[in-house]
C-alpha atoms as a PDB file:
ATOM      1  CA  UNK A   1      77.071  98.536  31.451  1.00  0.00           C
ATOM      2  CA  UNK A   2      80.385 100.326  29.327  1.00  0.00           C
ATOM      3  CA  UNK A   3      76.964 100.664  26.222  1.00  0.00           C
ATOM      4  CA  UNK A   4      74.752 101.655  28.961  1.00  0.00           C
ATOM      5  CA  UNK A   5      77.467 104.701  30.239  1.00  0.00           C
ATOM      6  CA  UNK A   6      77.868 105.337  27.044  1.00  0.00           C
ATOM      7  CA  UNK A   7      74.420 106.321  25.868  1.00  0.00           C
ATOM      8  CA  UNK A   8      73.968 108.089  29.458  1.00  0.00           C
ATOM      9  CA  UNK A   9      76.782 110.300  27.888  1.00  0.00           C
ATOM     10  CA  UNK A  10      75.366 110.619  25.024  1.00  0.00           C
ATOM     11  CA  UNK A  11      72.069 111.349  25.837  1.00  0.00           C
ATOM     12  CA  UNK A  12      73.405 114.665  27.537  1.00  0.00           C
ATOM     13  CA  UNK A  13      71.658 113.799  31.318  1.00  0.00           C
ATOM     14  CA  UNK A  14      74.281 115.274  33.024  1.00  0.00           C
ATOM     15  CA  UNK A  15      73.770 118.561  31.114  1.00  0.00           C
ATOM     16  CA  UNK A  16      70.410 119.623  31.925  1.00  0.00           C
ATOM     17  CA  UNK A  17      70.289 122.368  34.581  1.00  0.00           C
ATOM     18  CA  UNK A  18      70.525 121.574  38.111  1.00  0.00           C
ATOM     19  CA  UNK A  19      71.105 117.684  37.186  1.00  0.00           C
ATOM     20  CA  UNK A  20      74.086 117.135  39.229  1.00  0.00           C
ATOM     21  CA  UNK A  21      72.556 119.139  42.541  1.00  0.00           C
ATOM     22  CA  UNK A  22      69.981 117.146  42.631  1.00  0.00           C
ATOM     23  CA  UNK A  23      71.496 113.704  41.614  1.00  0.00           C
ATOM     24  CA  UNK A  24      74.260 114.995  44.118  1.00  0.00           C
ATOM     25  CA  UNK A  25      71.195 115.317  46.913  1.00  0.00           C
ATOM     26  CA  UNK A  26      70.048 112.006  46.006  1.00  0.00           C
ATOM     27  CA  UNK A  27      72.784 109.969  46.728  1.00  0.00           C
ATOM     28  CA  UNK A  28      73.424 112.067  50.641  1.00  0.00           C
ATOM     29  CA  UNK A  29      69.426 110.851  50.622  1.00  0.00           C
ATOM     30  CA  UNK A  30      70.566 107.358  50.166  1.00  0.00           C
ATOM     31  CA  UNK A  31      73.621 107.428  52.074  1.00  0.00           C
ATOM     32  CA  UNK A  32      72.270 108.445  55.136  1.00  0.00           C
ATOM     33  CA  UNK A  33      69.141 106.409  54.820  1.00  0.00           C
ATOM     34  CA  UNK A  34      71.487 103.337  54.974  1.00  0.00           C
ATOM     35  CA  UNK A  35      72.805 104.838  58.189  1.00  0.00           C
ATOM     36  CA  UNK A  36      69.467 105.700  59.858  1.00  0.00           C
ATOM     37  CA  UNK A  37      68.901 108.811  59.030  1.00  0.00           C
ATOM     38  CA  UNK A  38      64.853 109.092  58.861  1.00  0.00           C
ATOM     39  CA  UNK A  39      65.175 111.925  56.754  1.00  0.00           C
ATOM     40  CA  UNK A  40      62.290 111.272  53.852  1.00  0.00           C
ATOM     41  CA  UNK A  41      63.567 112.085  49.960  1.00  0.00           C
ATOM     42  CA  UNK A  42      61.414 114.954  50.276  1.00  0.00           C
ATOM     43  CA  UNK A  43      62.850 116.652  53.599  1.00  0.00           C
ATOM     44  CA  UNK A  44      66.316 115.912  52.258  1.00  0.00           C
ATOM     45  CA  UNK A  45      65.909 117.871  49.259  1.00  0.00           C
ATOM     46  CA  UNK A  46      64.930 121.056  50.778  1.00  0.00           C
ATOM     47  CA  UNK A  47      67.322 120.840  53.431  1.00  0.00           C
ATOM     48  CA  UNK A  48      70.142 120.838  51.039  1.00  0.00           C
ATOM     49  CA  UNK A  49      68.134 123.023  48.643  1.00  0.00           C
ATOM     50  CA  UNK A  50      66.542 125.835  50.625  1.00  0.00           C
ATOM     51  CA  UNK A  51      68.123 125.223  54.255  1.00  0.00           C
ATOM     52  CA  UNK A  52      65.111 124.563  55.602  1.00  0.00           C
ATOM     53  CA  UNK A  53      65.376 122.176  58.948  1.00  0.00           C
ATOM     54  CA  UNK A  54      62.250 119.136  59.004  1.00  0.00           C
ATOM     55  CA  UNK A  55      60.219 119.466  61.644  1.00  0.00           C
ATOM     56  CA  UNK A  56      60.107 116.107  63.444  1.00  0.00           C
ATOM     57  CA  UNK A  57      63.529 115.226  63.107  1.00  0.00           C
ATOM     58  CA  UNK A  58      66.773 115.308  65.509  1.00  0.00           C
ATOM     59  CA  UNK A  59      69.435 116.880  64.734  1.00  0.00           C
ATOM     60  CA  UNK A  60      71.848 114.648  64.317  1.00  0.00           C
ATOM     61  CA  UNK A  61      70.174 113.814  61.321  1.00  0.00           C
ATOM     62  CA  UNK A  62      69.735 116.890  59.796  1.00  0.00           C
ATOM     63  CA  UNK A  63      73.891 116.951  60.740  1.00  0.00           C
ATOM     64  CA  UNK A  64      74.341 113.487  59.016  1.00  0.00           C
ATOM     65  CA  UNK A  65      72.958 114.631  55.323  1.00  0.00           C
ATOM     66  CA  UNK A  66      74.506 118.364  55.237  1.00  0.00           C
ATOM     67  CA  UNK A  67      77.796 116.731  56.563  1.00  0.00           C
ATOM     68  CA  UNK A  68      77.764 114.065  53.700  1.00  0.00           C
ATOM     69  CA  UNK A  69      76.383 116.840  50.910  1.00  0.00           C
ATOM     70  CA  UNK A  70      80.151 118.850  52.032  1.00  0.00           C
ATOM     71  CA  UNK A  71      82.063 115.732  51.574  1.00  0.00           C
ATOM     72  CA  UNK A  72      80.330 114.631  48.556  1.00  0.00           C
ATOM     73  CA  UNK A  73      81.363 118.301  46.449  1.00  0.00           C
ATOM     74  CA  UNK A  74      84.446 118.043  48.099  1.00  0.00           C
ATOM     75  CA  UNK A  75      85.486 114.575  46.800  1.00  0.00           C
ATOM     76  CA  UNK A  76      84.022 115.633  42.824  1.00  0.00           C
ATOM     77  CA  UNK A  77      86.168 118.871  43.669  1.00  0.00           C
ATOM     78  CA  UNK A  78      89.548 116.644  44.451  1.00  0.00           C
ATOM     79  CA  UNK A  79      87.821 114.544  42.040  1.00  0.00           C
ATOM     80  CA  UNK A  80      87.907 117.397  38.814  1.00  0.00           C
ATOM     81  CA  UNK A  81      91.699 117.985  40.368  1.00  0.00           C
ATOM     82  CA  UNK A  82      92.713 114.936  40.012  1.00  0.00           C
ATOM     83  CA  UNK A  83      93.581 114.624  43.411  1.00  0.00           C
ATOM     84  CA  UNK A  84      95.873 111.490  43.768  1.00  0.00           C
ATOM     85  CA  UNK A  85      94.600 108.897  46.182  1.00  0.00           C
ATOM     86  CA  UNK A  86      96.133 109.179  49.866  1.00  0.00           C
ATOM     87  CA  UNK A  87      95.740 108.106  53.308  1.00  0.00           C
ATOM     88  CA  UNK A  88      95.165 111.764  54.025  1.00  0.00           C
ATOM     89  CA  UNK A  89      92.426 112.381  51.385  1.00  0.00           C
ATOM     90  CA  UNK A  90      90.988 109.331  52.934  1.00  0.00           C
ATOM     91  CA  UNK A  91      90.724 110.802  56.912  1.00  0.00           C
ATOM     92  CA  UNK A  92      89.924 113.788  55.457  1.00  0.00           C
ATOM     93  CA  UNK A  93      86.295 112.019  53.889  1.00  0.00           C
ATOM     94  CA  UNK A  94      85.642 110.756  56.966  1.00  0.00           C
ATOM     95  CA  UNK A  95      86.386 114.013  58.505  1.00  0.00           C
ATOM     96  CA  UNK A  96      84.024 115.596  56.796  1.00  0.00           C
ATOM     97  CA  UNK A  97      81.241 112.598  57.060  1.00  0.00           C
ATOM     98  CA  UNK A  98      82.018 112.807  60.985  1.00  0.00           C
ATOM     99  CA  UNK A  99      81.859 117.002  61.342  1.00  0.00           C
ATOM    100  CA  UNK A 100      79.546 118.004  63.447  1.00  0.00           C
ATOM    101  CA  UNK A 101      77.805 114.270  64.824  1.00  0.00           C
ATOM    102  CA  UNK A 102      81.837 112.356  65.573  1.00  0.00           C
ATOM    103  CA  UNK A 103      82.242 111.439  69.574  1.00  0.00           C
ATOM    104  CA  UNK A 104      85.380 111.278  71.836  1.00  0.00           C
ATOM    105  CA  UNK A 105      86.383 108.204  72.481  1.00  0.00           C
ATOM    106  CA  UNK A 106      88.979 107.880  75.077  1.00  0.00           C
ATOM    107  CA  UNK A 107      91.271 104.583  74.950  1.00  0.00           C
ATOM    108  CA  UNK A 108      94.346 103.677  76.493  1.00  0.00           C
ATOM    109  CA  UNK A 109      96.684 104.989  74.013  1.00  0.00           C
ATOM    110  CA  UNK A 110      94.675 108.559  73.837  1.00  0.00           C
ATOM    111  CA  UNK A 111      91.693 110.613  73.196  1.00  0.00           C
ATOM    112  CA  UNK A 112      90.321 109.961  69.358  1.00  0.00           C
ATOM    113  CA  UNK A 113      88.197 113.099  67.699  1.00  0.00           C
ATOM    114  CA  UNK A 114      85.676 110.844  65.457  1.00  0.00           C
ATOM    115  CA  UNK A 115      85.092 114.112  64.378  1.00  0.00           C
ATOM    116  CA  UNK A 116      89.439 114.770  62.488  1.00  0.00           C
ATOM    117  CA  UNK A 117      88.810 111.571  60.711  1.00  0.00           C
ATOM    118  CA  UNK A 118      91.051 110.224  63.499  1.00  0.00           C
ATOM    119  CA  UNK A 119      91.850 105.958  63.192  1.00  0.00           C
ATOM    120  CA  UNK A 120      90.049 103.736  65.640  1.00  0.00           C
ATOM    121  CA  UNK A 121      91.924 102.335  68.604  1.00  0.00           C
ATOM    122  CA  UNK A 122      89.574  99.646  69.560  1.00  0.00           C
ATOM    123  CA  UNK A 123      88.579  96.403  68.126  1.00  0.00           C
ATOM    124  CA  UNK A 124      85.199  96.223  66.301  1.00  0.00           C
ATOM    125  CA  UNK A 125      82.866  94.584  65.150  1.00  0.00           C
ATOM    126  CA  UNK A 126      79.282  94.826  63.347  1.00  0.00           C
ATOM    127  CA  UNK A 127      76.119  91.944  63.808  1.00  0.00           C
ATOM    128  CA  UNK A 128      78.402  89.379  62.653  1.00  0.00           C
ATOM    129  CA  UNK A 129      81.091  90.957  61.222  1.00  0.00           C
ATOM    130  CA  UNK A 130      84.697  90.778  63.044  1.00  0.00           C
ATOM    131  CA  UNK A 131      87.357  93.670  61.700  1.00  0.00           C
ATOM    132  CA  UNK A 132      90.834  93.808  61.704  1.00  0.00           C
ATOM    133  CA  UNK A 133      93.057  94.519  64.960  1.00  0.00           C
ATOM    134  CA  UNK A 134      92.740  98.735  65.112  1.00  0.00           C
ATOM    135  CA  UNK A 135      96.520  98.226  65.066  1.00  0.00           C
ATOM    136  CA  UNK A 136      96.474  96.862  61.623  1.00  0.00           C
ATOM    137  CA  UNK A 137      94.462  99.491  60.375  1.00  0.00           C
ATOM    138  CA  UNK A 138      96.975 101.850  59.140  1.00  0.00           C
ATOM    139  CA  UNK A 139      98.917  99.541  57.220  1.00  0.00           C
ATOM    140  CA  UNK A 140      95.935  98.268  55.479  1.00  0.00           C
ATOM    141  CA  UNK A 141      94.934 101.840  54.920  1.00  0.00           C
ATOM    142  CA  UNK A 142      98.573 102.671  53.271  1.00  0.00           C
ATOM    143  CA  UNK A 143      98.280  99.696  51.038  1.00  0.00           C
ATOM    144  CA  UNK A 144      94.903 100.016  49.861  1.00  0.00           C
ATOM    145  CA  UNK A 145      95.715 103.581  49.014  1.00  0.00           C
ATOM    146  CA  UNK A 146      99.047 101.756  47.005  1.00  0.00           C
ATOM    147  CA  UNK A 147      96.669  99.695  45.203  1.00  0.00           C
ATOM    148  CA  UNK A 148      94.832 102.599  44.426  1.00  0.00           C
ATOM    149  CA  UNK A 149      97.126 104.226  42.835  1.00  0.00           C
ATOM    150  CA  UNK A 150      98.889 101.223  41.103  1.00  0.00           C
ATOM    151  CA  UNK A 151      95.560 100.674  39.257  1.00  0.00           C
ATOM    152  CA  UNK A 152      94.723 104.089  38.482  1.00  0.00           C
ATOM    153  CA  UNK A 153      97.923 104.116  36.462  1.00  0.00           C
ATOM    154  CA  UNK A 154      97.160 101.781  34.503  1.00  0.00           C
ATOM    155  CA  UNK A 155      94.971 102.165  31.268  1.00  0.00           C
ATOM    156  CA  UNK A 156      91.882 101.062  32.458  1.00  0.00           C
ATOM    157  CA  UNK A 157      88.629 100.063  30.794  1.00  0.00           C
ATOM    158  CA  UNK A 158      85.463 101.706  31.784  1.00  0.00           C
ATOM    159  CA  UNK A 159      84.293  98.761  33.208  1.00  0.00           C
ATOM    160  CA  UNK A 160      87.790  98.645  35.040  1.00  0.00           C
ATOM    161  CA  UNK A 161      87.440 102.260  36.297  1.00  0.00           C
ATOM    162  CA  UNK A 162      83.491 100.450  37.656  1.00  0.00           C
ATOM    163  CA  UNK A 163      85.377  97.561  39.360  1.00  0.00           C
ATOM    164  CA  UNK A 164      87.834  99.815  40.483  1.00  0.00           C
ATOM    165  CA  UNK A 165      85.605 101.721  43.023  1.00  0.00           C
ATOM    166  CA  UNK A 166      83.673  98.819  43.422  1.00  0.00           C
ATOM    167  CA  UNK A 167      86.378  97.079  44.973  1.00  0.00           C
ATOM    168  CA  UNK A 168      87.632 100.161  46.774  1.00  0.00           C
ATOM    169  CA  UNK A 169      83.887 100.596  48.472  1.00  0.00           C
ATOM    170  CA  UNK A 170      84.766  97.021  49.608  1.00  0.00           C
ATOM    171  CA  UNK A 171      87.926  96.785  51.241  1.00  0.00           C
ATOM    172  CA  UNK A 172      88.070 100.542  52.833  1.00  0.00           C
ATOM    173  CA  UNK A 173      84.258  99.594  54.721  1.00  0.00           C
ATOM    174  CA  UNK A 174      85.894  95.962  55.624  1.00  0.00           C
ATOM    175  CA  UNK A 175      89.352  97.249  57.246  1.00  0.00           C
ATOM    176  CA  UNK A 176      86.709  99.969  58.434  1.00  0.00           C
ATOM    177  CA  UNK A 177      89.005 102.426  59.915  1.00  0.00           C
ATOM    178  CA  UNK A 178      87.076 104.260  61.516  1.00  0.00           C
ATOM    179  CA  UNK A 179      85.069 104.502  64.599  1.00  0.00           C
ATOM    180  CA  UNK A 180      81.801 105.875  62.054  1.00  0.00           C
ATOM    181  CA  UNK A 181      80.911 106.228  59.190  1.00  0.00           C
ATOM    182  CA  UNK A 182      82.656 104.035  57.247  1.00  0.00           C
ATOM    183  CA  UNK A 183      79.526 102.983  54.979  1.00  0.00           C
ATOM    184  CA  UNK A 184      79.336 107.042  54.120  1.00  0.00           C
ATOM    185  CA  UNK A 185      83.267 107.049  53.754  1.00  0.00           C
ATOM    186  CA  UNK A 186      83.659 103.829  51.289  1.00  0.00           C
ATOM    187  CA  UNK A 187      80.783 105.106  49.389  1.00  0.00           C
ATOM    188  CA  UNK A 188      82.393 108.835  48.882  1.00  0.00           C
ATOM    189  CA  UNK A 189      86.084 106.908  47.903  1.00  0.00           C
ATOM    190  CA  UNK A 190      83.837 104.588  45.499  1.00  0.00           C
ATOM    191  CA  UNK A 191      82.391 108.191  43.816  1.00  0.00           C
ATOM    192  CA  UNK A 192      85.703 109.981  43.850  1.00  0.00           C
ATOM    193  CA  UNK A 193      86.655 107.375  41.401  1.00  0.00           C
ATOM    194  CA  UNK A 194      83.782 106.750  39.423  1.00  0.00           C
ATOM    195  CA  UNK A 195      84.262 111.511  39.325  1.00  0.00           C
ATOM    196  CA  UNK A 196      87.815 111.231  38.625  1.00  0.00           C
ATOM    197  CA  UNK A 197      86.883 109.199  35.244  1.00  0.00           C
ATOM    198  CA  UNK A 198      84.046 111.069  34.566  1.00  0.00           C
ATOM    199  CA  UNK A 199      81.357 108.215  34.521  1.00  0.00           C
ATOM    200  CA  UNK A 200      78.127 108.270  37.005  1.00  0.00           C
ATOM    201  CA  UNK A 201      78.499 108.386  39.986  1.00  0.00           C
ATOM    202  CA  UNK A 202      76.847 105.302  41.511  1.00  0.00           C
ATOM    203  CA  UNK A 203      74.181 105.525  44.389  1.00  0.00           C
ATOM    204  CA  UNK A 204      73.364 102.197  46.482  1.00  0.00           C
ATOM    205  CA  UNK A 205      69.267 102.628  46.758  1.00  0.00           C
ATOM    206  CA  UNK A 206      68.613 102.991  50.221  1.00  0.00           C
ATOM    207  CA  UNK A 207      65.543  99.988  50.048  1.00  0.00           C
ATOM    208  CA  UNK A 208      68.270  97.457  49.617  1.00  0.00           C
ATOM    209  CA  UNK A 209      70.134  98.010  52.286  1.00  0.00           C
ATOM    210  CA  UNK A 210      69.762  94.329  53.696  1.00  0.00           C
ATOM    211  CA  UNK A 211      70.478  93.524  50.246  1.00  0.00           C
ATOM    212  CA  UNK A 212      73.309  95.596  50.051  1.00  0.00           C
ATOM    213  CA  UNK A 213      74.749  93.786  53.941  1.00  0.00           C
ATOM    214  CA  UNK A 214      74.100  90.865  52.893  1.00  0.00           C
ATOM    215  CA  UNK A 215      76.310  91.266  49.663  1.00  0.00           C
ATOM    216  CA  UNK A 216      79.516  92.928  52.013  1.00  0.00           C
ATOM    217  CA  UNK A 217      79.328  89.608  53.940  1.00  0.00           C
ATOM    218  CA  UNK A 218      78.753  87.291  51.969  1.00  0.00           C
ATOM    219  CA  UNK A 219      81.836  88.709  50.030  1.00  0.00           C
ATOM    220  CA  UNK A 220      84.104  88.690  53.459  1.00  0.00           C
ATOM    221  CA  UNK A 221      82.740  84.876  54.120  1.00  0.00           C
ATOM    222  CA  UNK A 222      83.479  83.417  50.371  1.00  0.00           C
ATOM    223  CA  UNK A 223      86.285  85.424  49.681  1.00  0.00           C
ATOM    224  CA  UNK A 224      84.837  86.030  46.054  1.00  0.00           C
ATOM    225  CA  UNK A 225      84.652  90.081  45.123  1.00  0.00           C
ATOM    226  CA  UNK A 226      82.433  88.950  42.063  1.00  0.00           C
ATOM    227  CA  UNK A 227      79.744  89.256  44.982  1.00  0.00           C
ATOM    228  CA  UNK A 228      79.737  92.770  45.494  1.00  0.00           C
ATOM    229  CA  UNK A 229      80.712  93.290  42.254  1.00  0.00           C
ATOM    230  CA  UNK A 230      77.599  91.824  41.155  1.00  0.00           C
ATOM    231  CA  UNK A 231      75.164  93.660  44.065  1.00  0.00           C
ATOM    232  CA  UNK A 232      76.591  97.276  42.527  1.00  0.00           C
ATOM    233  CA  UNK A 233      77.169  96.524  39.029  1.00  0.00           C
ATOM    234  CA  UNK A 234      73.160  95.488  39.414  1.00  0.00           C
ATOM    235  CA  UNK A 235      72.701  98.657  41.513  1.00  0.00           C
ATOM    236  CA  UNK A 236      74.241 100.442  38.430  1.00  0.00           C
ATOM    237  CA  UNK A 237      72.348  99.362  35.578  1.00  0.00           C
ATOM    238  CA  UNK A 238      69.404  99.624  38.019  1.00  0.00           C
ATOM    239  CA  UNK A 239      69.610 103.374  38.443  1.00  0.00           C
ATOM    240  CA  UNK A 240      71.125 104.155  35.279  1.00  0.00           C
ATOM    241  CA  UNK A 241      68.212 102.135  32.691  1.00  0.00           C
ATOM    242  CA  UNK A 242      66.188 104.470  35.431  1.00  0.00           C
ATOM    243  CA  UNK A 243      67.220 107.710  34.383  1.00  0.00           C
ATOM    244  CA  UNK A 244      67.823 107.064  30.520  1.00  0.00           C
ATOM    245  CA  UNK A 245      64.123 106.675  30.977  1.00  0.00           C
ATOM    246  CA  UNK A 246      63.643 109.540  32.878  1.00  0.00           C
ATOM    247  CA  UNK A 247      65.171 111.552  30.810  1.00  0.00           C
ATOM    248  CA  UNK A 248      63.246 110.184  26.940  1.00  0.00           C
ATOM    249  CA  UNK A 249      60.127 110.484  28.811  1.00  0.00           C
ATOM    250  CA  UNK A 250      60.168 114.341  29.730  1.00  0.00           C
ATOM    251  CA  UNK A 251      61.936 114.278  25.778  1.00  0.00           C
ATOM    252  CA  UNK A 252      58.963 112.760  25.030  1.00  0.00           C
ATOM    253  CA  UNK A 253      56.095 114.502  27.031  1.00  0.00           C
ATOM    254  CA  UNK A 254      58.010 118.115  26.014  1.00  0.00           C
ATOM    255  CA  UNK A 255      57.250 117.187  21.567  1.00  0.00           C
ATOM    256  CA  UNK A 256      54.154 116.164  22.262  1.00  0.00           C
ATOM    257  CA  UNK A 257      52.725 118.664  24.097  1.00  0.00           C
ATOM    258  CA  UNK A 258      53.575 121.463  21.533  1.00  0.00           C
ATOM    259  CA  UNK A 259      52.759 125.407  22.180  1.00  0.00           C
ATOM    260  CA  UNK A 260      49.493 126.835  22.580  1.00  0.00           C
ATOM    261  CA  UNK A 261      48.422 130.781  23.168  1.00  0.00           C
ATOM    262  CA  UNK A 262      47.739 131.025  26.316  1.00  0.00           C
ATOM    263  CA  UNK A 263      44.765 133.763  25.711  1.00  0.00           C
END
């Protein structure tokens, strides 16, 4: 994997005009589509590039995409400024994700506003997955933050940096600290760590949603983080190879066309 990242960097792909913007649009499209957004890749691009709302699509889907895009810019800014990972930062990420679509939950412990990055106060399940009791959420999240800080103080290789980002992704979504937006928040925290180290940001392809969910389930049931790491490494390798191929084909096409006078 390290050799692919080195090749990606050496080609200067990230320096191509507008590349970062369209890459972030792609991340937002795939991450929100995994969570049920019905916007196509083109509709997402037009929405985020030109501000044009797609016809015939729900307002909630549109808001989900625009909020995710803002959250993505938020984490990249924090990463580039070397902001430390804290529990409050994780809550802030979730508040960006749920800003326009988060609901109000009335519990015996009080009102929880999901748009403000507040931890859940009820137990939750998703399919066959049971997540930790709500009264353990804060402690587990604080422990995850301590783990991240300890790891990031070490001199990590590129492979170690990637594994840390994947492990954090898995562990946060498995704590499931929020009522909603846990998947998006966890993928954004993964991207934060990648941006912190200056390595390409990972995308979970929405076409692989079923395999993604199965990798999360299998990792929990077998208590083997290697399962999720391998899934994410395959996603990452597929993405890097695709970007390198597109870039090299673009260079080849330009050199072959040459130049001709238009008269």
